Protein backbone atom coordinates (compact mmCIF):
# COMPACT_ATOMS: atom_id res chain seq x y z
CA MET A 1 9.56 -10.17 0.48
CA SER A 2 5.86 -9.76 1.11
CA VAL A 3 4.18 -6.55 -0.02
CA THR A 4 0.86 -5.39 1.41
CA VAL A 5 -1.13 -2.42 0.15
CA TYR A 6 -3.66 -0.98 2.58
CA SER A 7 -6.28 0.86 0.55
CA LYS A 8 -9.92 1.84 0.23
CA PRO A 9 -12.38 1.91 -2.68
CA ALA A 10 -12.25 4.72 -5.27
CA CYS A 11 -8.70 5.73 -4.29
CA VAL A 12 -6.82 7.17 -7.27
CA GLN A 13 -3.40 6.91 -5.61
CA CYS A 14 -4.16 3.29 -4.68
CA THR A 15 -4.96 2.43 -8.30
CA ALA A 16 -1.74 4.12 -9.46
CA THR A 17 0.18 2.07 -6.89
CA TYR A 18 -1.38 -1.22 -8.07
CA ARG A 19 -0.55 -0.41 -11.68
CA ALA A 20 3.07 0.44 -10.88
CA LEU A 21 3.48 -2.77 -8.86
CA ASP A 22 1.88 -4.78 -11.69
CA ARG A 23 4.24 -3.23 -14.27
CA LEU A 24 7.22 -4.37 -12.20
CA GLY A 25 5.75 -7.83 -11.63
CA VAL A 26 5.65 -7.40 -7.85
CA ASP A 27 3.21 -9.70 -6.06
CA TYR A 28 1.16 -7.93 -3.41
CA GLU A 29 -1.87 -8.32 -1.17
CA ILE A 30 -4.58 -5.65 -0.98
CA ILE A 31 -6.31 -5.00 2.33
CA ASP A 32 -9.35 -2.70 2.31
CA ILE A 33 -9.23 -0.59 5.48
CA SER A 34 -12.86 0.46 5.00
CA ALA A 35 -13.91 -3.17 5.53
CA ASP A 36 -11.28 -4.24 8.09
CA ALA A 37 -11.18 -2.28 11.37
CA ASP A 38 -8.05 -4.10 12.56
CA ALA A 39 -6.22 -3.08 9.38
CA LEU A 40 -7.31 0.53 9.90
CA ASP A 41 -5.91 0.39 13.43
CA ARG A 42 -2.62 -1.05 12.09
CA VAL A 43 -2.29 1.79 9.57
CA ARG A 44 -3.05 4.43 12.20
CA GLY A 45 -0.60 2.72 14.56
CA MET A 46 2.13 3.22 11.96
CA GLY A 47 1.28 6.94 12.00
CA TYR A 48 -0.55 7.17 8.66
CA MET A 49 -3.81 8.97 8.03
CA GLN A 50 -4.06 8.42 4.25
CA VAL A 51 -3.96 5.53 1.81
CA PRO A 52 -2.43 3.76 0.13
CA VAL A 53 -0.05 2.54 2.79
CA VAL A 54 2.46 0.09 1.35
CA VAL A 55 4.33 -2.29 3.64
CA ALA A 56 7.26 -4.01 1.94
CA GLY A 57 9.33 -6.07 4.33
CA GLU A 58 10.63 -3.70 7.02
CA GLN A 59 9.87 -0.48 5.12
CA HIS A 60 6.56 1.29 4.67
CA TRP A 61 5.24 4.49 3.15
CA ALA A 62 2.01 6.28 2.31
CA GLY A 63 0.78 7.68 -0.98
CA PHE A 64 1.77 6.90 -4.54
CA ARG A 65 5.58 6.69 -4.41
CA PRO A 66 7.03 5.58 -7.76
CA ASP A 67 10.55 5.98 -6.33
CA MET A 68 9.87 3.53 -3.50
CA ILE A 69 8.00 1.12 -5.79
CA SER A 70 10.89 1.08 -8.28
CA ALA A 71 13.28 0.18 -5.46
CA LEU A 72 11.32 -3.06 -4.93
CA SER A 73 12.35 -4.56 -8.26
């Protein structure tokens, strides 16, 4: 399953999300929405107004969600 984390610089919840994914050994791609207007549009299109937005297969969520991250392992 591919995991994508939409984030922006200096985001504390984004950093916490990366660390939790790293601890579980989950591979993921980071996309900076402040540098990619198409990615920002994708995130808004999913109904989110905050980062991080994590897309894991068919599911997605916003914010630091240890419960959802744990379910990926």
